[in-house]
Amino acid sequence: MATPSRSGVFAGAADPRVERFAESISVDRRLYAYDIEGSLAHAQMLAKTGLITAEECEQIRQALQQIRQEIEQGDFKFSAALEDIHMHIEQALIERLGDVGRRLHTGRSRNDQVTTDLRLWIRDAIDGLDQRVLAVQRAFVDRAEGDREVILPAYTHLQRAQPVLAVHYWLAYCEKLDRDRQRLADARRRANVLSLGTGAAAGTSLPIDRQYVCQLLGFDSLAANSLDASSDRDFVLDFAYAMSVLAAHLAGWAEEWILWSTHEFGFLRLPEQFCTCSSMMPQKMNPDVLELIRGRAARVTGNLTSLLVLVQGLPLAYNRDLQEDKQPLFDSYDTVDACLELAAPIVAGSQLNRSAIAARLEEGYLDATTLMEHLIGKGLPQRTAHHAVGTLVRKAIDRQVGLRDLPLEEFQAVYPDVDSSIYDMLGATAAVECFTSYGSTAPQQVEDQLRRWQHRLGAADVARGEG
């Protein structure tokens, strides 16, 4: 008997080499639950519109549920001859129900079927990643209590720049991850459009009810153009891009903590269960997990590039090239999901080396900018104050001392209208207390932002039913 993937227009079977080359079941079998979910809704619609009977719909429902159970239990046989997950499920349905099974594909094409399956999968994938990102944000916020008094050097160009509270660092990552959540939410919104029922290219002449299917599957709206719907992969690109930026953020965090965990920095002790040993050097505890998170961001970026190249220049409507969208998409998801799963416990389990941080905190003249701004407040133009403080820093470097170790007359040499109160703002701790602007590392600003994040994450827990 001919398989559903081979119509009567062909005089013979496909070359076995074509079957091996064209199959996608090795990749898209993970869509089985979504294919069945979409088929159940499609069958209900066909029954509602009279294209199949209620009895036939129930037979299809029971058979599809049985097929799903067999797949989940590992009792379902997959074959390259049936190409993809859609043909496997349809053929299994036909073997069980005969002509009743053949009726299920009424009013739809594999073109709109596969995009519907993929949209359903992306919705769930985004929801799962969103919770993973939330877990990393919680890990940063939860460690804020213990790190509240710690001051760290902030870097620009990997050179010591200004002092900041450690909590300010943690909340910076929360902000990045929040933008990632926003991008994921945007991608979910654009994916949540029903393409089922648009057919292969032009729609169908049968009296289907797409709005009913839309409601059953929880989509927000209907794809409005049948030519566009079967070829549209913008929602795939949106998701891939959101994951690429997220992976880049994780890679940046990993790079920073790899540096911080070195003896040269000495800021951080990583949890040992997330480190590995050297095959040769017995003293080593290597940050391999962080290095892999950093490295795997490259794969996610590469997958986005593959998808962009895949869709460029394709004519309307469906082209078989689009079969190649799933492998890079699934790989990006699996990669980012695995990185996020490990990121949260690494953040929670790492410890700041407070004594090492404090011992070197005054290195690098972190208070220089605060001193400059104090002189600006006294009336000096910014560029004049900048040059004056640079001169003082040069004197301190030559004497191998800090700014607060310079005698008062050195400060008065660059600006006579200063007195001994100048020392009240020198040193990293004093400099931190001088900040005032919104979003800065000012202690009160950081406390306010920390409370904001605690409230937001608490609200997220309540929304999930954990409150």
Protein backbone atom coordinates (compact mmCIF):
# COMPACT_ATOMS: atom_id res chain seq x y z
CA MET A 1 0.00 0.00 0.00
CA ALA A 2 1.26 3.46 -0.86
CA THR A 3 2.24 5.63 2.07
CA PRO A 4 0.58 9.04 2.60
CA SER A 5 3.79 10.77 1.54
CA ARG A 6 3.59 9.24 -1.96
CA SER A 7 0.53 10.16 -4.05
CA GLY A 8 -0.98 8.34 -7.04
CA VAL A 9 0.68 10.68 -9.51
CA PHE A 10 3.92 8.72 -9.13
CA ALA A 11 4.40 5.54 -11.15
CA GLY A 12 6.74 3.95 -8.64
CA ALA A 13 8.43 4.19 -5.29
CA ALA A 14 11.02 6.76 -4.39
CA ASP A 15 14.70 5.87 -4.61
CA PRO A 16 15.81 4.62 -1.17
CA ARG A 17 18.61 7.14 -1.23
CA VAL A 18 16.04 9.94 -1.52
CA GLU A 19 14.20 8.55 1.50
CA ARG A 20 17.39 8.63 3.54
CA PHE A 21 18.31 12.08 2.31
CA ALA A 22 14.89 13.68 2.71
CA GLU A 23 13.82 12.24 6.07
CA SER A 24 13.42 14.59 9.03
CA ILE A 25 11.95 12.12 11.52
CA SER A 26 15.33 11.88 13.27
CA VAL A 27 14.94 15.57 14.14
CA ASP A 28 11.22 16.38 14.27
CA ARG A 29 9.98 13.38 16.23
CA ARG A 30 10.16 15.57 19.32
CA LEU A 31 7.14 17.43 17.91
CA TYR A 32 4.90 14.37 18.29
CA ALA A 33 2.83 15.72 21.19
CA TYR A 34 2.21 19.00 19.38
CA ASP A 35 1.30 17.25 16.15
CA ILE A 36 -1.25 15.18 18.05
CA GLU A 37 -2.55 18.25 19.92
CA GLY A 38 -3.08 20.11 16.65
CA SER A 39 -4.68 17.06 15.03
CA LEU A 40 -7.13 16.65 17.90
CA ALA A 41 -8.24 20.26 17.54
CA HIS A 42 -8.44 19.88 13.76
CA ALA A 43 -10.63 16.77 14.14
CA GLN A 44 -12.97 18.60 16.51
CA MET A 45 -13.30 21.39 13.96
CA LEU A 46 -14.00 18.94 11.15
CA ALA A 47 -16.77 17.40 13.25
CA LYS A 48 -18.21 20.83 14.14
CA THR A 49 -18.40 21.82 10.47
CA GLY A 50 -19.82 18.46 9.36
CA LEU A 51 -16.79 17.39 7.36
CA ILE A 52 -16.57 14.28 9.55
CA THR A 53 -19.10 12.80 11.95
CA ALA A 54 -18.97 13.04 15.72
CA GLU A 55 -18.40 9.28 15.83
CA GLU A 56 -15.46 9.53 13.44
CA CYS A 57 -14.03 12.37 15.53
CA GLU A 58 -14.19 10.21 18.65
CA GLN A 59 -12.51 7.32 16.87
CA ILE A 60 -9.73 9.65 15.73
CA ARG A 61 -9.38 11.07 19.24
CA GLN A 62 -9.01 7.66 20.84
CA ALA A 63 -6.54 6.46 18.21
CA LEU A 64 -4.40 9.59 18.51
CA GLN A 65 -4.30 9.20 22.28
CA GLN A 66 -3.19 5.61 21.84
CA ILE A 67 -0.47 6.64 19.38
CA ARG A 68 0.79 9.27 21.83
CA GLN A 69 0.97 6.68 24.58
CA GLU A 70 2.91 4.29 22.38
CA ILE A 71 5.43 6.99 21.45
CA GLU A 72 5.90 8.00 25.09
CA GLN A 73 6.40 4.39 26.14
CA GLY A 74 8.91 3.72 23.35
CA ASP A 75 6.65 1.20 21.58
CA PHE A 76 6.20 3.20 18.38
CA LYS A 77 8.24 2.27 15.30
CA PHE A 78 9.83 5.09 13.31
CA SER A 79 10.93 4.69 9.67
CA ALA A 80 12.77 6.96 7.27
CA ALA A 81 10.30 5.94 4.56
CA LEU A 82 7.61 8.03 6.25
CA GLU A 83 9.82 11.13 6.25
CA ASP A 84 8.52 13.10 9.23
CA ILE A 85 6.47 12.96 12.40
CA HIS A 86 3.31 14.08 10.60
CA MET A 87 3.38 11.16 8.18
CA HIS A 88 4.19 8.71 10.97
CA ILE A 89 1.19 9.72 13.01
CA GLU A 90 -1.13 9.87 10.02
CA GLN A 91 -0.03 6.47 8.74
CA ALA A 92 -0.47 4.95 12.21
CA LEU A 93 -3.95 6.44 12.31
CA ILE A 94 -4.82 4.98 8.91
CA GLU A 95 -3.55 1.55 9.94
CA ARG A 96 -5.91 1.64 12.91
CA LEU A 97 -8.95 3.34 11.37
CA GLY A 98 -8.73 2.94 7.58
CA ASP A 99 -10.76 5.57 5.75
CA VAL A 100 -11.66 7.33 8.97
CA GLY A 101 -7.96 7.95 9.52
CA ARG A 102 -7.62 9.21 5.95
CA ARG A 103 -10.24 11.88 6.64
CA LEU A 104 -8.18 13.68 9.28
CA HIS A 105 -6.02 15.52 6.75
CA THR A 106 -9.10 17.16 5.22
CA GLY A 107 -8.66 20.93 4.89
CA ARG A 108 -5.00 21.06 5.85
CA SER A 109 -1.53 20.56 4.35
CA ARG A 110 1.70 19.41 5.89
CA ASN A 111 2.86 22.97 5.22
CA ASP A 112 0.42 24.58 7.64
CA GLN A 113 0.52 21.55 9.92
CA VAL A 114 4.26 21.75 10.54
CA THR A 115 4.21 25.48 11.25
CA THR A 116 1.38 24.94 13.72
CA ASP A 117 3.32 22.19 15.48
CA LEU A 118 6.40 24.38 15.61
CA ARG A 119 4.46 27.34 16.99
CA LEU A 120 2.98 25.14 19.72
CA TRP A 121 6.43 23.81 20.58
CA ILE A 122 7.98 27.29 20.66
CA ARG A 123 5.29 28.50 23.05
CA ASP A 124 6.16 25.77 25.54
CA ALA A 125 9.91 26.16 24.95
CA ILE A 126 9.73 29.88 25.68
CA ASP A 127 7.68 29.29 28.82
CA GLY A 128 10.29 26.83 30.03
CA LEU A 129 13.23 29.14 29.31
CA ASP A 130 11.41 32.00 30.99
CA GLN A 131 11.27 30.02 34.22
CA ARG A 132 14.95 29.13 33.88
CA VAL A 133 15.85 32.81 33.51
CA LEU A 134 13.74 33.67 36.54
CA ALA A 135 15.66 31.08 38.56
CA VAL A 136 18.97 32.76 37.68
CA GLN A 137 17.57 36.17 38.61
CA ARG A 138 16.38 34.77 41.94
CA ALA A 139 19.86 33.37 42.59
CA PHE A 140 21.41 36.81 42.12
CA VAL A 141 18.78 38.53 44.27
CA ASP A 142 18.89 35.87 46.99
CA ARG A 143 22.64 36.26 47.46
CA ALA A 144 22.29 40.04 47.89
CA GLU A 145 21.62 39.82 51.63
CA GLY A 146 24.93 38.10 52.33
CA ASP A 147 26.90 40.39 49.98
CA ARG A 148 25.27 43.66 51.04
CA GLU A 149 28.38 45.36 52.48
CA VAL A 150 30.90 44.16 49.89
CA ILE A 151 32.44 46.75 47.58
CA LEU A 152 33.99 45.65 44.30
CA PRO A 153 35.99 47.48 41.66
CA ALA A 154 34.01 48.05 38.48
CA TYR A 155 36.03 47.76 35.29
CA THR A 156 36.07 49.48 31.93
CA HIS A 157 38.51 48.18 29.32
CA LEU A 158 39.34 45.59 32.01
CA GLN A 159 41.00 48.43 33.96
CA ARG A 160 39.84 49.36 37.45
CA ALA A 161 37.39 52.24 37.12
CA GLN A 162 35.10 53.04 40.07
CA PRO A 163 33.93 51.30 43.25
CA VAL A 164 30.49 49.67 43.25
CA LEU A 165 28.52 47.60 45.68
CA ALA A 166 28.53 43.88 44.93
CA VAL A 167 24.72 43.94 45.00
CA HIS A 168 24.86 46.53 42.22
CA TYR A 169 26.76 43.97 40.14
CA TRP A 170 24.19 41.27 40.85
CA LEU A 171 21.29 43.52 39.92
CA ALA A 172 23.05 44.48 36.68
CA TYR A 173 22.75 40.84 35.62
CA CYS A 174 19.09 40.86 36.66
CA GLU A 175 18.51 43.79 34.30
CA LYS A 176 20.17 41.99 31.39
CA LEU A 177 18.16 38.86 32.06
CA ASP A 178 14.98 40.90 32.31
CA ARG A 179 15.53 42.18 28.80
CA ASP A 180 16.01 38.57 27.75
CA ARG A 181 12.64 37.71 29.28
CA GLN A 182 11.08 40.60 27.39
CA ARG A 183 12.56 39.37 24.11
CA LEU A 184 11.28 35.86 24.80
CA ALA A 185 7.82 37.26 25.57
CA ASP A 186 7.85 39.21 22.30
CA ALA A 187 8.90 36.09 20.40
CA ARG A 188 6.11 34.12 22.07
CA ARG A 189 3.54 36.72 21.08
CA ARG A 190 4.57 36.58 17.43
CA ALA A 191 4.64 32.79 17.49
CA ASN A 192 1.15 32.59 18.97
CA VAL A 193 -0.63 32.96 15.62
CA LEU A 194 -2.57 30.04 14.13
CA SER A 195 -1.43 29.01 10.67
CA LEU A 196 -3.43 25.76 10.53
CA GLY A 197 -6.12 25.87 7.85
CA THR A 198 -4.19 28.08 5.44
CA GLY A 199 -3.33 24.98 3.43
CA ALA A 200 -0.40 24.53 1.10
CA ALA A 201 -0.57 27.97 -0.53
CA ALA A 202 -4.07 29.25 -1.32
CA GLY A 203 -6.27 28.06 1.53
CA THR A 204 -9.15 25.60 1.01
CA SER A 205 -12.58 25.56 -0.59
CA LEU A 206 -13.94 23.41 2.25
CA PRO A 207 -16.07 25.04 4.99
CA ILE A 208 -13.50 24.88 7.79
CA ASP A 209 -13.64 27.03 10.94
CA ARG A 210 -10.17 28.33 11.70
CA GLN A 211 -11.36 30.56 14.52
CA TYR A 212 -12.68 27.54 16.38
CA VAL A 213 -9.29 25.80 16.10
CA CYS A 214 -7.63 29.01 17.23
CA GLN A 215 -9.70 28.96 20.42
CA LEU A 216 -9.11 25.27 21.05
CA LEU A 217 -5.33 25.63 20.77
CA GLY A 218 -5.10 28.91 22.67
CA PHE A 219 -3.68 31.04 19.87
CA ASP A 220 -4.13 34.80 19.97
CA SER A 221 -5.04 35.31 16.33
CA LEU A 222 -5.20 33.79 12.85
CA ALA A 223 -2.57 34.04 10.15
CA ALA A 224 -4.24 36.33 7.62
CA ASN A 225 -2.53 35.32 4.37
CA SER A 226 -2.22 31.74 3.19
CA LEU A 227 0.80 32.42 0.98
CA ASP A 228 2.66 34.01 3.85
CA ALA A 229 1.58 31.51 6.50
CA SER A 230 3.17 28.39 5.05
CA SER A 231 6.51 30.09 4.37
CA ASP A 232 6.70 32.33 7.42
CA ARG A 233 9.59 31.53 9.73
CA ASP A 234 9.90 34.96 11.29
CA PHE A 235 8.69 33.50 14.57
CA VAL A 236 11.55 30.99 14.44
CA LEU A 237 14.05 33.77 13.80
CA ASP A 238 12.61 35.82 16.65
CA PHE A 239 13.05 32.95 19.08
CA ALA A 240 16.52 32.14 17.77
CA TYR A 241 17.57 35.77 18.13
CA ALA A 242 16.22 36.00 21.68
CA MET A 243 18.18 32.87 22.58
CA SER A 244 21.33 34.25 20.95
CA VAL A 245 21.25 37.42 23.04
CA LEU A 246 20.50 35.38 26.16
CA ALA A 247 23.43 33.09 25.39
CA ALA A 248 25.66 36.13 24.87
CA HIS A 249 24.66 37.47 28.28
CA LEU A 250 25.44 34.13 29.89
CA ALA A 251 28.79 34.04 28.09
CA GLY A 252 29.67 37.51 29.38
CA TRP A 253 28.77 36.51 32.94
CA ALA A 254 30.77 33.30 32.58
CA GLU A 255 33.81 35.17 31.29
CA GLU A 256 33.68 37.63 34.18
CA TRP A 257 33.43 34.92 36.81
CA ILE A 258 36.18 32.88 35.14
CA LEU A 259 38.43 35.91 35.55
CA TRP A 260 37.25 36.59 39.08
CA SER A 261 37.99 33.00 40.11
CA THR A 262 41.65 33.18 39.03
CA HIS A 263 44.43 33.70 41.57
CA GLU A 264 45.26 36.93 39.75
CA PHE A 265 41.84 38.38 40.61
CA GLY A 266 41.01 36.24 43.62
CA PHE A 267 37.51 37.68 43.97
CA LEU A 268 35.47 34.50 43.80
CA ARG A 269 35.42 30.86 44.84
CA LEU A 270 33.31 28.74 42.53
CA PRO A 271 31.39 25.76 43.94
CA GLU A 272 33.65 22.74 43.58
CA GLN A 273 30.88 20.50 42.23
CA PHE A 274 30.79 22.69 39.13
CA CYS A 275 34.54 22.57 38.52
CA THR A 276 36.72 19.85 37.03
CA CYS A 277 40.27 18.61 37.54
CA SER A 278 43.28 18.58 35.28
CA SER A 279 44.40 15.25 33.83
CA MET A 280 48.01 16.18 34.59
CA MET A 281 48.17 18.86 37.28
CA PRO A 282 46.63 17.63 40.54
CA GLN A 283 46.21 21.06 42.13
CA LYS A 284 43.88 22.41 39.46
CA MET A 285 40.18 23.18 39.90
CA ASN A 286 39.14 24.37 36.47
CA PRO A 287 36.00 26.42 35.70
CA ASP A 288 35.05 24.10 32.83
CA VAL A 289 31.29 24.57 33.19
CA LEU A 290 31.63 28.34 32.86
CA GLU A 291 34.00 27.90 29.93
CA LEU A 292 31.48 25.64 28.19
CA ILE A 293 28.69 28.15 28.81
CA ARG A 294 30.92 30.79 27.25
CA GLY A 295 31.83 28.52 24.36
CA ARG A 296 28.36 27.24 23.60
CA ALA A 297 27.12 30.75 23.01
CA ALA A 298 29.01 30.46 19.73
CA ARG A 299 26.80 27.54 18.69
CA VAL A 300 23.65 29.50 19.44
CA THR A 301 24.90 32.46 17.42
CA GLY A 302 25.89 30.12 14.61
CA ASN A 303 22.43 28.57 14.60
CA LEU A 304 20.85 32.02 14.24
CA THR A 305 23.12 32.72 11.29
CA SER A 306 22.16 29.39 9.70
CA LEU A 307 18.47 30.21 10.02
CA LEU A 308 18.90 33.69 8.57
CA VAL A 309 20.77 32.29 5.57
CA LEU A 310 18.20 29.50 5.22
CA VAL A 311 15.23 31.82 4.73
CA GLN A 312 16.82 34.56 2.68
CA GLY A 313 15.73 34.67 -0.92
CA LEU A 314 13.10 31.92 -0.68
CA PRO A 315 10.11 32.47 -2.98
CA LEU A 316 6.53 32.12 -1.74
CA ALA A 317 5.08 29.85 -0.52
CA TYR A 318 6.53 26.66 1.05
CA ASN A 319 9.92 25.30 -0.03
CA ARG A 320 11.54 22.13 1.27
CA ASP A 321 14.52 24.17 2.45
CA LEU A 322 12.37 25.07 5.44
CA GLN A 323 12.64 21.51 6.72
CA GLU A 324 16.14 22.52 7.81
CA ASP A 325 14.84 25.07 10.33
CA LYS A 326 14.34 22.61 13.18
CA GLN A 327 17.80 21.24 13.79
CA PRO A 328 19.44 24.64 14.54
CA LEU A 329 16.36 25.78 16.46
CA PHE A 330 16.21 22.69 18.65
CA ASP A 331 19.97 22.77 19.21
CA SER A 332 19.83 26.40 20.35
CA TYR A 333 17.01 25.64 22.75
CA ASP A 334 18.71 22.57 24.19
CA THR A 335 21.97 24.48 24.58
CA VAL A 336 20.49 27.55 26.27
CA ASP A 337 18.24 25.45 28.48
CA ALA A 338 21.21 23.40 29.71
CA CYS A 339 23.31 26.53 30.34
CA LEU A 340 20.53 28.17 32.35
CA GLU A 341 19.98 25.01 34.38
CA LEU A 342 23.60 25.17 35.58
CA ALA A 343 23.84 28.96 35.87
CA ALA A 344 21.42 29.26 38.79
CA PRO A 345 23.24 26.88 41.18
CA ILE A 346 26.64 28.34 40.21
CA VAL A 347 25.41 31.84 41.07
CA ALA A 348 23.89 30.60 44.33
CA GLY A 349 26.86 28.48 45.36
CA SER A 350 29.78 30.81 44.62
CA GLN A 351 31.42 32.79 47.42
CA LEU A 352 33.08 36.18 47.32
CA ASN A 353 36.61 36.18 48.74
CA ARG A 354 36.04 39.21 50.93
CA SER A 355 39.49 39.41 52.45
CA ALA A 356 41.21 39.33 49.05
CA ILE A 357 38.81 41.94 47.65
CA ALA A 358 39.30 44.24 50.64
CA ALA A 359 43.07 43.87 50.60
CA ARG A 360 43.31 45.30 47.08
CA LEU A 361 40.23 47.51 46.98
CA GLU A 362 42.21 50.76 47.17
CA GLU A 363 44.36 49.85 44.18
CA GLY A 364 43.63 51.58 40.90
CA TYR A 365 42.48 54.96 42.30
CA LEU A 366 38.80 54.09 42.23
CA ASP A 367 38.03 57.37 44.04
CA ALA A 368 39.51 59.62 41.34
CA THR A 369 36.24 60.30 39.54
CA THR A 370 34.47 61.16 42.79
CA LEU A 371 37.25 63.62 43.61
CA MET A 372 36.89 65.17 40.16
CA GLU A 373 33.14 65.58 40.63
CA HIS A 374 33.74 67.19 44.03
CA LEU A 375 35.94 69.81 42.37
CA ILE A 376 33.27 70.33 39.70
CA GLY A 377 30.83 70.98 42.52
CA LYS A 378 33.24 73.63 43.82
CA GLY A 379 33.02 75.45 40.50
CA LEU A 380 35.82 74.01 38.34
CA PRO A 381 34.91 73.19 34.71
CA GLN A 382 34.80 69.46 34.07
CA ARG A 383 37.83 69.38 31.80
CA THR A 384 39.85 71.47 34.22
CA ALA A 385 38.90 69.24 37.14
CA HIS A 386 39.66 66.15 35.04
CA HIS A 387 43.17 67.39 34.30
CA ALA A 388 43.77 68.45 37.90
CA VAL A 389 42.83 65.07 39.33
CA GLY A 390 44.90 63.35 36.67
CA THR A 391 47.86 65.38 37.93
CA LEU A 392 47.18 64.27 41.50
CA VAL A 393 46.92 60.64 40.42
CA ARG A 394 50.28 60.96 38.68
CA LYS A 395 51.85 62.26 41.91
CA ALA A 396 50.29 59.36 43.86
CA ILE A 397 51.53 56.81 41.33
CA ASP A 398 55.05 58.19 41.50
CA ARG A 399 55.00 57.97 45.31
CA GLN A 400 53.21 54.58 45.27
CA VAL A 401 50.46 55.84 47.59
CA GLY A 402 46.70 56.40 47.39
CA LEU A 403 45.07 59.77 46.80
CA ARG A 404 44.10 60.07 50.44
CA ASP A 405 47.77 59.66 51.38
CA LEU A 406 48.74 62.87 49.59
CA PRO A 407 49.26 65.93 51.84
CA LEU A 408 46.61 68.67 51.78
CA GLU A 409 48.93 71.14 50.06
CA GLU A 410 49.03 68.91 46.98
CA PHE A 411 45.26 69.25 46.63
CA GLN A 412 45.44 72.99 47.28
CA ALA A 413 48.06 73.29 44.57
CA VAL A 414 45.53 72.28 41.95
CA TYR A 415 42.60 74.06 43.61
CA PRO A 416 43.24 76.40 46.54
CA ASP A 417 39.65 76.38 47.79
CA VAL A 418 39.83 72.95 49.47
CA ASP A 419 40.36 72.02 53.09
CA SER A 420 40.82 68.84 55.09
CA SER A 421 37.19 67.80 54.39
CA ILE A 422 38.50 66.63 51.01
CA TYR A 423 39.65 63.42 52.71
CA ASP A 424 36.05 62.55 53.66
CA MET A 425 35.34 61.48 50.11
CA LEU A 426 38.56 59.66 49.37
CA GLY A 427 38.92 55.90 49.48
CA ALA A 428 36.61 53.36 47.86
CA THR A 429 34.11 53.18 50.72
CA ALA A 430 33.75 56.94 50.98
CA ALA A 431 33.47 57.25 47.20
CA VAL A 432 30.54 54.82 47.10
CA GLU A 433 28.73 56.96 49.69
CA CYS A 434 29.07 60.01 47.42
CA PHE A 435 26.94 58.65 44.59
CA THR A 436 23.40 60.04 44.31
CA SER A 437 22.00 59.57 40.79
CA TYR A 438 19.15 57.22 39.96
CA GLY A 439 20.46 53.84 38.84
CA SER A 440 23.85 54.41 40.45
CA THR A 441 25.65 52.35 43.05
CA ALA A 442 24.55 54.76 45.82
CA PRO A 443 23.66 52.56 48.80
CA GLN A 444 20.09 53.84 49.02
CA GLN A 445 19.63 53.49 45.26
CA VAL A 446 20.86 49.89 45.43
CA GLU A 447 18.56 49.16 48.39
CA ASP A 448 15.60 50.57 46.46
CA GLN A 449 16.45 48.52 43.37
CA LEU A 450 16.95 45.39 45.46
CA ARG A 451 13.50 45.82 47.02
CA ARG A 452 12.05 46.36 43.55
CA TRP A 453 13.57 43.11 42.34
CA GLN A 454 12.49 41.20 45.43
CA HIS A 455 8.94 42.42 44.85
CA ARG A 456 9.01 41.57 41.13
CA LEU A 457 10.34 38.08 41.67
CA GLY A 458 7.91 37.52 44.54
CA ALA A 459 5.08 38.56 42.24
CA ALA A 460 6.36 36.11 39.63
CA ASP A 461 6.24 33.34 42.22
CA VAL A 462 2.66 34.24 43.11
CA ALA A 463 1.73 34.19 39.43
CA ARG A 464 3.11 30.64 39.22
CA GLY A 465 1.11 29.61 42.27
CA GLU A 466 4.13 29.43 44.57
CA GLY A 467 3.14 32.32 46.80
